[in-house]
PDB file of N, CA and C in Angstrom:
ATOM      1  N   MET A   1      10.348   6.577   3.498  1.00  0.00           N
ATOM      2  CA  MET A   1       9.867   8.472   3.178  1.00  0.00           C
ATOM      3  C   MET A   1       9.518   8.327   3.171  1.00  0.00           C
ATOM      4  N   GLN A   2       9.694   9.957   3.754  1.00  0.00           N
ATOM      5  CA  GLN A   2       8.144  10.440   4.759  1.00  0.00           C
ATOM      6  C   GLN A   2       7.600  11.371   3.047  1.00  0.00           C
ATOM      7  N   LEU A   3       6.998  11.309   2.941  1.00  0.00           N
ATOM      8  CA  LEU A   3       5.929  11.970   1.880  1.00  0.00           C
ATOM      9  C   LEU A   3       4.676  12.447   2.416  1.00  0.00           C
ATOM     10  N   THR A   4       4.450  13.595   1.983  1.00  0.00           N
ATOM     11  CA  THR A   4       3.367  14.331   1.841  1.00  0.00           C
ATOM     12  C   THR A   4       2.559  14.239   0.507  1.00  0.00           C
ATOM     13  N   VAL A   5       1.849  13.340   0.151  1.00  0.00           N
ATOM     14  CA  VAL A   5       0.974  12.577  -1.034  1.00  0.00           C
ATOM     15  C   VAL A   5      -0.051  13.957  -1.227  1.00  0.00           C
ATOM     16  N   GLY A   6      -0.015  14.008  -3.120  1.00  0.00           N
ATOM     17  CA  GLY A   6      -1.037  14.532  -3.526  1.00  0.00           C
ATOM     18  C   GLY A   6      -1.971  13.915  -5.265  1.00  0.00           C
ATOM     19  N   GLU A   7      -2.611  14.475  -5.478  1.00  0.00           N
ATOM     20  CA  GLU A   7      -3.111  13.357  -6.510  1.00  0.00           C
ATOM     21  C   GLU A   7      -2.564  12.788  -7.656  1.00  0.00           C
ATOM     22  N   HIS A   8      -1.098  13.547  -7.934  1.00  0.00           N
ATOM     23  CA  HIS A   8      -0.197  13.393  -8.741  1.00  0.00           C
ATOM     24  C   HIS A   8       0.610  12.078  -8.419  1.00  0.00           C
ATOM     25  N   SER A   9       0.611  12.083  -6.819  1.00  0.00           N
ATOM     26  CA  SER A   9       2.162  11.355  -6.257  1.00  0.00           C
ATOM     27  C   SER A   9       1.807   9.846  -6.688  1.00  0.00           C
ATOM     28  N   VAL A  10       0.859   9.647  -6.979  1.00  0.00           N
ATOM     29  CA  VAL A  10       0.658   7.784  -6.814  1.00  0.00           C
ATOM     30  C   VAL A  10       1.927   7.507  -8.246  1.00  0.00           C
ATOM     31  N   ARG A  11       1.253   8.089  -9.095  1.00  0.00           N
ATOM     32  CA  ARG A  11       2.346   7.913  -9.927  1.00  0.00           C
ATOM     33  C   ARG A  11       3.569   7.760  -9.929  1.00  0.00           C
ATOM     34  N   HIS A  12       4.002   8.799  -9.044  1.00  0.00           N
ATOM     35  CA  HIS A  12       6.060   9.607  -9.193  1.00  0.00           C
ATOM     36  C   HIS A  12       6.307   7.872  -8.113  1.00  0.00           C
ATOM     37  N   VAL A  13       4.905   7.633  -6.877  1.00  0.00           N
ATOM     38  CA  VAL A  13       5.255   6.546  -6.047  1.00  0.00           C
ATOM     39  C   VAL A  13       5.911   5.094  -6.586  1.00  0.00           C
ATOM     40  N   ARG A  14       4.936   5.576  -8.058  1.00  0.00           N
ATOM     41  CA  ARG A  14       4.912   4.027  -8.588  1.00  0.00           C
ATOM     42  C   ARG A  14       6.007   3.635  -9.791  1.00  0.00           C
ATOM     43  N   ARG A  15       6.541   4.764  -9.861  1.00  0.00           N
ATOM     44  CA  ARG A  15       7.635   4.398 -11.094  1.00  0.00           C
ATOM     45  C   ARG A  15       8.951   4.745 -10.047  1.00  0.00           C
ATOM     46  N   ILE A  16       8.856   4.472  -8.412  1.00  0.00           N
ATOM     47  CA  ILE A  16      10.145   4.749  -7.721  1.00  0.00           C
ATOM     48  C   ILE A  16       9.835   2.983  -7.414  1.00  0.00           C
ATOM     49  N   VAL A  17       9.004   2.323  -7.093  1.00  0.00           N
ATOM     50  CA  VAL A  17       8.987   1.356  -6.839  1.00  0.00           C
ATOM     51  C   VAL A  17       9.045   0.800  -7.667  1.00  0.00           C
ATOM     52  N   ARG A  18       8.806   1.132  -9.135  1.00  0.00           N
ATOM     53  CA  ARG A  18       9.355  -0.038 -10.213  1.00  0.00           C
ATOM     54  C   ARG A  18      10.737  -0.237 -10.266  1.00  0.00           C
ATOM     55  N   SER A  19      11.270   1.223 -10.294  1.00  0.00           N
ATOM     56  CA  SER A  19      12.871   0.571 -10.307  1.00  0.00           C
ATOM     57  C   SER A  19      13.606  -0.040  -9.736  1.00  0.00           C
ATOM     58  N   LEU A  20      12.938  -0.028  -8.012  1.00  0.00           N
ATOM     59  CA  LEU A  20      13.783  -0.876  -7.054  1.00  0.00           C
ATOM     60  C   LEU A  20      13.290  -2.479  -7.377  1.00  0.00           C
ATOM     61  N   VAL A  21      12.019  -2.575  -8.147  1.00  0.00           N
ATOM     62  CA  VAL A  21      11.927  -4.064  -8.452  1.00  0.00           C
ATOM     63  C   VAL A  21      13.102  -4.422  -9.652  1.00  0.00           C
ATOM     64  N   GLY A  22      13.242  -3.194 -10.146  1.00  0.00           N
ATOM     65  CA  GLY A  22      14.124  -4.105 -11.477  1.00  0.00           C
ATOM     66  C   GLY A  22      15.035  -4.111 -10.598  1.00  0.00           C
ATOM     67  N   GLU A  23      15.493  -3.266  -9.765  1.00  0.00           N
ATOM     68  CA  GLU A  23      16.815  -3.385  -9.040  1.00  0.00           C
ATOM     69  C   GLU A  23      17.214  -4.776  -8.602  1.00  0.00           C
ATOM     70  N   TRP A  24      15.921  -4.852  -7.758  1.00  0.00           N
ATOM     71  CA  TRP A  24      15.766  -6.582  -7.414  1.00  0.00           C
ATOM     72  C   TRP A  24      15.723  -7.732  -8.126  1.00  0.00           C
ATOM     73  N   GLU A  25      15.594  -7.357  -9.276  1.00  0.00           N
ATOM     74  CA  GLU A  25      15.031  -8.565 -10.832  1.00  0.00           C
ATOM     75  C   GLU A  25      14.805  -9.573  -9.645  1.00  0.00           C
ATOM     76  N   LEU A  26      13.331  -8.479  -9.732  1.00  0.00           N
ATOM     77  CA  LEU A  26      12.295  -9.362  -9.435  1.00  0.00           C
ATOM     78  C   LEU A  26      10.855  -9.545 -10.475  1.00  0.00           C
ATOM     79  N   PRO A  27      10.398  -9.201 -11.540  1.00  0.00           N
ATOM     80  CA  PRO A  27       9.999  -8.706 -12.329  1.00  0.00           C
ATOM     81  C   PRO A  27       8.007 -10.082 -12.047  1.00  0.00           C
ATOM     82  N   ASP A  28       8.666 -11.083 -11.446  1.00  0.00           N
ATOM     83  CA  ASP A  28       7.508 -11.755 -11.813  1.00  0.00           C
ATOM     84  C   ASP A  28       6.199 -10.957 -10.365  1.00  0.00           C
ATOM     85  N   LEU A  29       7.070 -10.227 -10.050  1.00  0.00           N
ATOM     86  CA  LEU A  29       6.046  -9.312  -8.330  1.00  0.00           C
ATOM     87  C   LEU A  29       5.899  -7.559  -8.800  1.00  0.00           C
ATOM     88  N   LEU A  30       6.406  -7.480 -10.269  1.00  0.00           N
ATOM     89  CA  LEU A  30       6.118  -5.918 -10.557  1.00  0.00           C
ATOM     90  C   LEU A  30       4.574  -5.410 -10.407  1.00  0.00           C
ATOM     91  N   PHE A  31       3.799  -6.733 -11.144  1.00  0.00           N
ATOM     92  CA  PHE A  31       2.242  -6.027 -11.096  1.00  0.00           C
ATOM     93  C   PHE A  31       1.741  -6.122  -9.508  1.00  0.00           C
ATOM     94  N   ALA A  32       1.735  -6.728  -9.045  1.00  0.00           N
ATOM     95  CA  ALA A  32       1.289  -6.819  -7.218  1.00  0.00           C
ATOM     96  C   ALA A  32       1.936  -5.381  -6.437  1.00  0.00           C
ATOM     97  N   VAL A  33       3.621  -5.876  -7.054  1.00  0.00           N
ATOM     98  CA  VAL A  33       4.181  -4.471  -5.901  1.00  0.00           C
ATOM     99  C   VAL A  33       3.452  -3.151  -6.145  1.00  0.00           C
ATOM    100  N   GLU A  34       3.464  -2.906  -7.189  1.00  0.00           N
ATOM    101  CA  GLU A  34       2.738  -1.473  -8.199  1.00  0.00           C
ATOM    102  C   GLU A  34       1.523  -1.157  -7.628  1.00  0.00           C
ATOM    103  N   LEU A  35       1.007  -2.474  -7.889  1.00  0.00           N
ATOM    104  CA  LEU A  35      -0.571  -2.061  -7.483  1.00  0.00           C
ATOM    105  C   LEU A  35      -0.915  -1.836  -6.034  1.00  0.00           C
ATOM    106  N   GLY A  36       0.067  -2.904  -5.365  1.00  0.00           N
ATOM    107  CA  GLY A  36      -0.353  -2.535  -3.672  1.00  0.00           C
ATOM    108  C   GLY A  36      -0.058  -1.381  -3.440  1.00  0.00           C
ATOM    109  N   VAL A  37       1.193  -0.878  -3.608  1.00  0.00           N
ATOM    110  CA  VAL A  37       1.956   0.864  -3.264  1.00  0.00           C
ATOM    111  C   VAL A  37       0.155   1.877  -3.754  1.00  0.00           C
ATOM    112  N   SER A  38       0.370   1.435  -5.889  1.00  0.00           N
ATOM    113  CA  SER A  38      -0.843   2.113  -5.956  1.00  0.00           C
ATOM    114  C   SER A  38      -2.294   2.930  -5.161  1.00  0.00           C
ATOM    115  N   GLU A  39      -2.621   1.373  -4.451  1.00  0.00           N
ATOM    116  CA  GLU A  39      -3.924   1.338  -3.746  1.00  0.00           C
ATOM    117  C   GLU A  39      -3.431   2.284  -2.756  1.00  0.00           C
ATOM    118  N   LEU A  40      -2.503   1.702  -1.347  1.00  0.00           N
ATOM    119  CA  LEU A  40      -1.906   2.269  -0.199  1.00  0.00           C
ATOM    120  C   LEU A  40      -1.872   3.557   0.103  1.00  0.00           C
ATOM    121  N   VAL A  41      -0.915   3.943  -1.359  1.00  0.00           N
ATOM    122  CA  VAL A  41      -0.901   6.142  -0.915  1.00  0.00           C
ATOM    123  C   VAL A  41      -2.714   6.492  -1.381  1.00  0.00           C
ATOM    124  N   SER A  42      -3.214   6.233  -2.429  1.00  0.00           N
ATOM    125  CA  SER A  42      -4.191   6.251  -2.909  1.00  0.00           C
ATOM    126  C   SER A  42      -5.387   6.709  -2.029  1.00  0.00           C
ATOM    127  N   ASN A  43      -5.195   5.849  -0.980  1.00  0.00           N
ATOM    128  CA  ASN A  43      -6.478   5.706   0.422  1.00  0.00           C
ATOM    129  C   ASN A  43      -5.447   6.695   1.359  1.00  0.00           C
ATOM    130  N   VAL A  44      -4.401   6.894   0.929  1.00  0.00           N
ATOM    131  CA  VAL A  44      -3.881   8.377   2.142  1.00  0.00           C
ATOM    132  C   VAL A  44      -4.348   9.499   1.862  1.00  0.00           C
ATOM    133  N   VAL A  45      -4.620   9.719   0.516  1.00  0.00           N
ATOM    134  CA  VAL A  45      -5.021  10.982  -0.603  1.00  0.00           C
ATOM    135  C   VAL A  45      -6.395  11.085  -0.228  1.00  0.00           C
ATOM    136  N   ARG A  46      -7.222   9.763  -0.546  1.00  0.00           N
ATOM    137  CA  ARG A  46      -8.256   9.766  -0.204  1.00  0.00           C
ATOM    138  C   ARG A  46      -8.784  10.349   1.183  1.00  0.00           C
ATOM    139  N   HIS A  47      -7.871   9.650   1.933  1.00  0.00           N
ATOM    140  CA  HIS A  47      -8.516   9.647   3.492  1.00  0.00           C
ATOM    141  C   HIS A  47      -8.139  10.384   4.492  1.00  0.00           C
ATOM    142  N   VAL A  48      -7.092  10.674   4.461  1.00  0.00           N
ATOM    143  CA  VAL A  48      -6.278  10.868   5.523  1.00  0.00           C
ATOM    144  C   VAL A  48      -6.125  12.362   5.327  1.00  0.00           C
ATOM    145  N   PRO A  49      -6.419  13.460   6.984  1.00  0.00           N
ATOM    146  CA  PRO A  49      -6.933  14.625   6.257  1.00  0.00           C
ATOM    147  C   PRO A  49      -5.004  15.324   5.806  1.00  0.00           C
ATOM    148  N   ASP A  50      -4.217  14.856   6.831  1.00  0.00           N
ATOM    149  CA  ASP A  50      -2.914  16.038   6.212  1.00  0.00           C
ATOM    150  C   ASP A  50      -2.063  15.380   5.428  1.00  0.00           C
ATOM    151  N   ARG A  51      -2.909  14.141   4.676  1.00  0.00           N
ATOM    152  CA  ARG A  51      -2.457  13.542   3.661  1.00  0.00           C
ATOM    153  C   ARG A  51      -0.711  12.983   3.219  1.00  0.00           C
ATOM    154  N   ARG A  52       0.208  13.147   5.221  1.00  0.00           N
ATOM    155  CA  ARG A  52       1.334  13.181   5.339  1.00  0.00           C
ATOM    156  C   ARG A  52       1.506  10.954   5.264  1.00  0.00           C
ATOM    157  N   CYS A  53       2.397  10.523   4.808  1.00  0.00           N
ATOM    158  CA  CYS A  53       2.565   8.836   5.514  1.00  0.00           C
ATOM    159  C   CYS A  53       3.870   9.209   4.839  1.00  0.00           C
ATOM    160  N   THR A  54       4.190   7.848   5.607  1.00  0.00           N
ATOM    161  CA  THR A  54       5.802   6.407   5.759  1.00  0.00           C
ATOM    162  C   THR A  54       5.313   6.298   4.720  1.00  0.00           C
ATOM    163  N   LEU A  55       6.381   5.787   3.605  1.00  0.00           N
ATOM    164  CA  LEU A  55       6.306   4.340   2.909  1.00  0.00           C
ATOM    165  C   LEU A  55       7.787   3.568   2.872  1.00  0.00           C
ATOM    166  N   VAL A  56       8.011   2.829   3.045  1.00  0.00           N
ATOM    167  CA  VAL A  56       8.680   2.085   3.330  1.00  0.00           C
ATOM    168  C   VAL A  56       8.367   0.438   1.895  1.00  0.00           C
ATOM    169  N   VAL A  57       9.732   0.281   1.404  1.00  0.00           N
ATOM    170  CA  VAL A  57       9.925  -0.695   0.524  1.00  0.00           C
ATOM    171  C   VAL A  57      11.027  -1.891   0.372  1.00  0.00           C
ATOM    172  N   ALA A  58      10.558  -2.649   1.067  1.00  0.00           N
ATOM    173  CA  ALA A  58      11.799  -3.874   1.615  1.00  0.00           C
ATOM    174  C   ALA A  58      11.877  -5.371   0.624  1.00  0.00           C
ATOM    175  N   ARG A  59      13.544  -4.995   0.488  1.00  0.00           N
ATOM    176  CA  ARG A  59      13.610  -6.202   0.008  1.00  0.00           C
ATOM    177  C   ARG A  59      13.562  -7.799   0.837  1.00  0.00           C
ATOM    178  N   ARG A  60      13.272  -8.766   0.999  1.00  0.00           N
ATOM    179  CA  ARG A  60      13.167 -10.092   1.472  1.00  0.00           C
ATOM    180  C   ARG A  60      13.642 -10.888   0.645  1.00  0.00           C
ATOM    181  N   THR A  61      14.038 -11.818   1.783  1.00  0.00           N
ATOM    182  CA  THR A  61      14.275 -13.045   1.171  1.00  0.00           C
ATOM    183  C   THR A  61      13.514 -13.451  -0.084  1.00  0.00           C
ATOM    184  N   ALA A  62      12.162 -13.854   0.374  1.00  0.00           N
ATOM    185  CA  ALA A  62      11.180 -14.257  -0.200  1.00  0.00           C
ATOM    186  C   ALA A  62      10.330 -13.299  -1.342  1.00  0.00           C
ATOM    187  N   GLY A  63      10.977 -11.892  -1.011  1.00  0.00           N
ATOM    188  CA  GLY A  63      10.059 -11.024  -1.722  1.00  0.00           C
ATOM    189  C   GLY A  63      10.267 -10.029  -1.656  1.00  0.00           C
ATOM    190  N   VAL A  64       9.130  -9.086  -1.136  1.00  0.00           N
ATOM    191  CA  VAL A  64       9.272  -7.725  -0.924  1.00  0.00           C
ATOM    192  C   VAL A  64       8.079  -7.100  -0.052  1.00  0.00           C
ATOM    193  N   ARG A  65       8.426  -6.560   0.645  1.00  0.00           N
ATOM    194  CA  ARG A  65       7.247  -6.183   1.938  1.00  0.00           C
ATOM    195  C   ARG A  65       7.071  -4.906   1.622  1.00  0.00           C
ATOM    196  N   VAL A  66       6.010  -3.963   2.103  1.00  0.00           N
ATOM    197  CA  VAL A  66       5.674  -2.736   1.843  1.00  0.00           C
ATOM    198  C   VAL A  66       5.094  -2.312   2.945  1.00  0.00           C
ATOM    199  N   GLU A  67       5.280  -1.158   3.533  1.00  0.00           N
ATOM    200  CA  GLU A  67       4.081  -0.181   4.724  1.00  0.00           C
ATOM    201  C   GLU A  67       4.042   0.795   3.924  1.00  0.00           C
ATOM    202  N   VAL A  68       2.962   1.232   4.182  1.00  0.00           N
ATOM    203  CA  VAL A  68       2.605   2.577   4.718  1.00  0.00           C
ATOM    204  C   VAL A  68       1.874   2.714   5.742  1.00  0.00           C
ATOM    205  N   SER A  69       2.528   3.625   6.354  1.00  0.00           N
ATOM    206  CA  SER A  69       2.251   4.514   7.723  1.00  0.00           C
ATOM    207  C   SER A  69       1.449   5.729   7.654  1.00  0.00           C
ATOM    208  N   ASP A  70       0.451   6.067   8.474  1.00  0.00           N
ATOM    209  CA  ASP A  70       0.292   7.486   8.529  1.00  0.00           C
ATOM    210  C   ASP A  70      -0.458   7.406  10.302  1.00  0.00           C
ATOM    211  N   GLY A  71      -0.753   8.821  10.392  1.00  0.00           N
ATOM    212  CA  GLY A  71      -0.941   9.760  11.655  1.00  0.00           C
ATOM    213  C   GLY A  71      -2.584   9.218  11.778  1.00  0.00           C
ATOM    214  N   PHE A  72      -3.751   8.667  10.877  1.00  0.00           N
ATOM    215  CA  PHE A  72      -4.981   8.262  11.371  1.00  0.00           C
ATOM    216  C   PHE A  72      -5.315   7.211  11.687  1.00  0.00           C
ATOM    217  N   ASP A  73      -6.090   7.596  12.646  1.00  0.00           N
ATOM    218  CA  ASP A  73      -6.450   6.658  13.819  1.00  0.00           C
ATOM    219  C   ASP A  73      -7.892   5.335  13.085  1.00  0.00           C
ATOM    220  N   ARG A  74      -8.027   5.986  11.771  1.00  0.00           N
ATOM    221  CA  ARG A  74      -9.580   5.428  11.518  1.00  0.00           C
ATOM    222  C   ARG A  74      -8.388   4.319  10.660  1.00  0.00           C
ATOM    223  N   LEU A  75      -9.192   3.001  10.843  1.00  0.00           N
ATOM    224  CA  LEU A  75      -8.522   1.940  10.126  1.00  0.00           C
ATOM    225  C   LEU A  75      -9.596   1.296   8.724  1.00  0.00           C
ATOM    226  N   PRO A  76      -8.940   1.135   7.946  1.00  0.00           N
ATOM    227  CA  PRO A  76      -9.549  -0.061   6.919  1.00  0.00           C
ATOM    228  C   PRO A  76     -10.546   0.029   7.439  1.00  0.00           C
ATOM    229  N   ARG A  77     -11.821  -0.551   5.935  1.00  0.00           N
ATOM    230  CA  ARG A  77     -12.259  -1.951   6.094  1.00  0.00           C
ATOM    231  C   ARG A  77     -12.207  -2.895   5.942  1.00  0.00           C
ATOM    232  N   SER A  78     -12.890  -3.712   6.032  1.00  0.00           N
ATOM    233  CA  SER A  78     -11.375  -4.836   5.538  1.00  0.00           C
ATOM    234  C   SER A  78     -12.928  -5.036   4.485  1.00  0.00           C
ATOM    235  N   PRO A  79     -12.275  -5.952   2.956  1.00  0.00           N
ATOM    236  CA  PRO A  79     -12.733  -6.206   2.289  1.00  0.00           C
ATOM    237  C   PRO A  79     -14.766  -7.226   2.553  1.00  0.00           C
ATOM    238  N   GLY A  80     -14.257  -7.790   3.122  1.00  0.00           N
ATOM    239  CA  GLY A  80     -16.025  -8.739   3.801  1.00  0.00           C
ATOM    240  C   GLY A  80     -16.819  -7.370   4.346  1.00  0.00           C
ATOM    241  N   GLU A  81     -16.101  -5.515   4.465  1.00  0.00           N
ATOM    242  CA  GLU A  81     -17.152  -5.568   4.903  1.00  0.00           C
ATOM    243  C   GLU A  81     -18.322  -4.304   3.682  1.00  0.00           C
ATOM    244  N   MET A  82     -17.457  -4.479   2.926  1.00  0.00           N
ATOM    245  CA  MET A  82     -17.792  -3.635   1.267  1.00  0.00           C
ATOM    246  C   MET A  82     -19.174  -3.618   0.226  1.00  0.00           C
ATOM    247  N   ASP A  83     -19.675  -2.250   0.733  1.00  0.00           N
ATOM    248  CA  ASP A  83     -20.660  -1.869   0.049  1.00  0.00           C
ATOM    249  C   ASP A  83     -20.961  -2.143  -1.354  1.00  0.00           C
ATOM    250  N   PRO A  84     -21.537  -3.163  -1.913  1.00  0.00           N
ATOM    251  CA  PRO A  84     -21.298  -4.179  -2.786  1.00  0.00           C
ATOM    252  C   PRO A  84     -22.137  -2.773  -4.254  1.00  0.00           C
ATOM    253  N   GLN A  85     -22.665  -2.401  -3.410  1.00  0.00           N
ATOM    254  CA  GLN A  85     -23.867  -0.641  -4.742  1.00  0.00           C
ATOM    255  C   GLN A  85     -22.636   0.695  -4.333  1.00  0.00           C
ATOM    256  N   ALA A  86     -21.863   0.309  -3.897  1.00  0.00           N
ATOM    257  CA  ALA A  86     -20.867   1.195  -3.941  1.00  0.00           C
ATOM    258  C   ALA A  86     -19.779   1.399  -5.147  1.00  0.00           C
ATOM    259  N   GLU A  87     -19.561   3.031  -5.291  1.00  0.00           N
ATOM    260  CA  GLU A  87     -18.687   3.392  -6.243  1.00  0.00           C
ATOM    261  C   GLU A  87     -17.557   2.755  -5.706  1.00  0.00           C
ATOM    262  N   GLY A  88     -17.144   2.984  -4.823  1.00  0.00           N
ATOM    263  CA  GLY A  88     -15.501   2.802  -4.726  1.00  0.00           C
ATOM    264  C   GLY A  88     -15.364   1.756  -3.378  1.00  0.00           C
ATOM    265  N   GLY A  89     -14.332   1.992  -3.018  1.00  0.00           N
ATOM    266  CA  GLY A  89     -14.007   0.690  -1.738  1.00  0.00           C
ATOM    267  C   GLY A  89     -13.466  -0.531  -2.186  1.00  0.00           C
ATOM    268  N   ARG A  90     -12.910  -1.132  -3.394  1.00  0.00           N
ATOM    269  CA  ARG A  90     -12.702  -2.008  -3.445  1.00  0.00           C
ATOM    270  C   ARG A  90     -11.591  -1.990  -3.674  1.00  0.00           C
ATOM    271  N   GLY A  91     -10.220  -1.459  -3.409  1.00  0.00           N
ATOM    272  CA  GLY A  91      -8.668  -1.995  -3.425  1.00  0.00           C
ATOM    273  C   GLY A  91      -8.703  -2.463  -2.620  1.00  0.00           C
ATOM    274  N   LEU A  92      -8.640  -2.566  -1.210  1.00  0.00           N
ATOM    275  CA  LEU A  92      -7.954  -3.701  -0.587  1.00  0.00           C
ATOM    276  C   LEU A  92      -8.377  -5.253  -1.065  1.00  0.00           C
ATOM    277  N   ALA A  93      -9.711  -5.313  -1.446  1.00  0.00           N
ATOM    278  CA  ALA A  93     -10.329  -6.607  -2.113  1.00  0.00           C
ATOM    279  C   ALA A  93      -9.593  -6.679  -3.118  1.00  0.00           C
ATOM    280  N   LEU A  94      -9.116  -5.856  -4.298  1.00  0.00           N
ATOM    281  CA  LEU A  94      -8.587  -6.575  -5.114  1.00  0.00           C
ATOM    282  C   LEU A  94      -6.929  -6.760  -4.377  1.00  0.00           C
ATOM    283  N   LEU A  95      -6.303  -5.825  -3.106  1.00  0.00           N
ATOM    284  CA  LEU A  95      -4.539  -6.301  -2.854  1.00  0.00           C
ATOM    285  C   LEU A  95      -4.949  -7.244  -2.249  1.00  0.00           C
ATOM    286  N   ASP A  96      -5.990  -7.714  -1.465  1.00  0.00           N
ATOM    287  CA  ASP A  96      -6.329  -8.691  -1.256  1.00  0.00           C
ATOM    288  C   ASP A  96      -6.156 -10.751  -2.264  1.00  0.00           C
ATOM    289  N   LEU A  97      -6.329 -10.206  -3.357  1.00  0.00           N
ATOM    290  CA  LEU A  97      -6.004 -11.380  -4.402  1.00  0.00           C
ATOM    291  C   LEU A  97      -4.793 -11.259  -5.283  1.00  0.00           C
ATOM    292  N   VAL A  98      -3.916  -9.884  -5.162  1.00  0.00           N
ATOM    293  CA  VAL A  98      -3.168 -10.358  -5.869  1.00  0.00           C
ATOM    294  C   VAL A  98      -1.751 -10.263  -5.117  1.00  0.00           C
ATOM    295  N   VAL A  99      -1.551  -9.790  -3.772  1.00  0.00           N
ATOM    296  CA  VAL A  99      -0.610  -9.998  -2.649  1.00  0.00           C
ATOM    297  C   VAL A  99      -0.597 -11.323  -1.562  1.00  0.00           C
ATOM    298  N   GLY A 100       0.156 -11.974  -1.213  1.00  0.00           N
ATOM    299  CA  GLY A 100       0.591 -13.273  -0.678  1.00  0.00           C
ATOM    300  C   GLY A 100       0.046 -13.190   0.804  1.00  0.00           C
ATOM    301  N   LYS A 101       0.186 -11.683   1.838  1.00  0.00           N
ATOM    302  CA  LYS A 101      -0.719 -11.044   2.518  1.00  0.00           C
ATOM    303  C   LYS A 101      -1.000 -10.146   2.777  1.00  0.00           C
ATOM    304  N   TRP A 102      -1.659  -9.078   3.895  1.00  0.00           N
ATOM    305  CA  TRP A 102      -1.622  -7.768   4.106  1.00  0.00           C
ATOM    306  C   TRP A 102      -2.778  -7.823   5.226  1.00  0.00           C
ATOM    307  N   GLY A 103      -1.555  -6.269   5.854  1.00  0.00           N
ATOM    308  CA  GLY A 103      -2.707  -6.395   7.219  1.00  0.00           C
ATOM    309  C   GLY A 103      -2.613  -4.925   7.575  1.00  0.00           C
ATOM    310  N   VAL A 104      -2.665  -4.489   8.886  1.00  0.00           N
ATOM    311  CA  VAL A 104      -3.360  -3.801   9.370  1.00  0.00           C
ATOM    312  C   VAL A 104      -2.850  -3.063  10.673  1.00  0.00           C
ATOM    313  N   ALA A 105      -2.150  -2.202  11.534  1.00  0.00           N
ATOM    314  CA  ALA A 105      -1.706  -2.467  12.598  1.00  0.00           C
ATOM    315  C   ALA A 105      -1.575  -1.523  13.203  1.00  0.00           C
ATOM    316  N   PRO A 106      -2.183  -0.844  14.506  1.00  0.00           N
ATOM    317  CA  PRO A 106      -2.373   0.153  14.748  1.00  0.00           C
ATOM    318  C   PRO A 106      -0.745   1.203  15.270  1.00  0.00           C
ATOM    319  N   ARG A 107      -0.606   2.043  15.563  1.00  0.00           N
ATOM    320  CA  ARG A 107       0.545   2.921  15.896  1.00  0.00           C
ATOM    321  C   ARG A 107       0.895   3.223  17.252  1.00  0.00           C
ATOM    322  N   ALA A 108       1.944   3.145  17.928  1.00  0.00           N
ATOM    323  CA  ALA A 108       2.268   3.733  18.847  1.00  0.00           C
ATOM    324  C   ALA A 108       1.901   4.968  18.748  1.00  0.00           C
ATOM    325  N   GLY A 109       0.798   5.523  20.030  1.00  0.00           N
ATOM    326  CA  GLY A 109       1.621   7.338  19.669  1.00  0.00           C
ATOM    327  C   GLY A 109      -0.083   8.051  18.571  1.00  0.00           C
ATOM    328  N   GLY A 110      -0.815   7.131  18.025  1.00  0.00           N
ATOM    329  CA  GLY A 110      -2.061   7.350  17.057  1.00  0.00           C
ATOM    330  C   GLY A 110      -1.332   6.590  15.912  1.00  0.00           C
ATOM    331  N   GLY A 111      -2.344   6.774  14.950  1.00  0.00           N
ATOM    332  CA  GLY A 111      -2.522   6.533  13.342  1.00  0.00           C
ATOM    333  C   GLY A 111      -2.247   4.213  12.997  1.00  0.00           C
ATOM    334  N   LYS A 112      -1.630   4.451  11.949  1.00  0.00           N
ATOM    335  CA  LYS A 112      -1.648   2.605  11.864  1.00  0.00           C
ATOM    336  C   LYS A 112      -0.709   2.836  10.677  1.00  0.00           C
ATOM    337  N   THR A 113      -0.395   0.937   9.990  1.00  0.00           N
ATOM    338  CA  THR A 113       0.212   1.348   9.093  1.00  0.00           C
ATOM    339  C   THR A 113      -0.492   0.247   8.693  1.00  0.00           C
ATOM    340  N   VAL A 114      -0.160   0.155   7.544  1.00  0.00           N
ATOM    341  CA  VAL A 114      -0.715  -0.657   6.251  1.00  0.00           C
ATOM    342  C   VAL A 114       0.415  -1.559   5.468  1.00  0.00           C
ATOM    343  N   TRP A 115       0.087  -2.691   5.434  1.00  0.00           N
ATOM    344  CA  TRP A 115       1.091  -2.949   4.973  1.00  0.00           C
ATOM    345  C   TRP A 115       0.595  -4.612   4.131  1.00  0.00           C
ATOM    346  N   PHE A 116       1.586  -4.816   3.041  1.00  0.00           N
ATOM    347  CA  PHE A 116       1.258  -6.043   2.280  1.00  0.00           C
ATOM    348  C   PHE A 116       3.236  -6.775   2.126  1.00  0.00           C
ATOM    349  N   GLU A 117       2.666  -7.959   1.715  1.00  0.00           N
ATOM    350  CA  GLU A 117       3.776  -9.430   1.215  1.00  0.00           C
ATOM    351  C   GLU A 117       3.689  -9.716  -0.499  1.00  0.00           C
ATOM    352  N   CYS A 118       4.663  -9.734  -1.065  1.00  0.00           N
ATOM    353  CA  CYS A 118       4.478 -10.356  -2.042  1.00  0.00           C
ATOM    354  C   CYS A 118       5.364 -11.467  -1.798  1.00  0.00           C
ATOM    355  N   GLY A 119       5.344 -12.298  -1.987  1.00  0.00           N
ATOM    356  CA  GLY A 119       6.877 -13.745  -1.876  1.00  0.00           C
ATOM    357  C   GLY A 119       6.653 -14.037  -3.444  1.00  0.00           C
ATOM    358  N   GLU A 120       8.168 -14.348  -3.678  1.00  0.00           N
ATOM    359  CA  GLU A 120       8.434 -14.987  -5.274  1.00  0.00           C
ATOM    360  C   GLU A 120       7.719 -16.514  -5.668  1.00  0.00           C
ATOM    361  N   ARG A 121       7.236 -16.101  -6.899  1.00  0.00           N
ATOM    362  CA  ARG A 121       6.574 -17.159  -7.361  1.00  0.00           C
ATOM    363  C   ARG A 121       7.531 -18.355  -8.124  1.00  0.00           C
TER     364      ARG A 121
END
């Protein structure tokens, strides 16, 4: 789904994701998927100048995969590069704690895709 996001978009996207995870009967993954989607969409609101992104939420055999792609070339900093005195910038560190795995991939033609996967527990 292609989106232009604003400050209230995270709440709406979370509601959609909650519905999907419920339909897929994966209640054990709900917290991680909601938190991950919230963080990635919030990062688009904060850091992507045109606030446009593409969101993919896919059911996998072993759980759920989420991808958020945008046209902004700057890659996010890894959690290890975080300034401990900074007031923000902890979202990806939190994501790292709650999902199975995540990563960032540059897109051909510019931009990037940030993704994560949550497996059934």
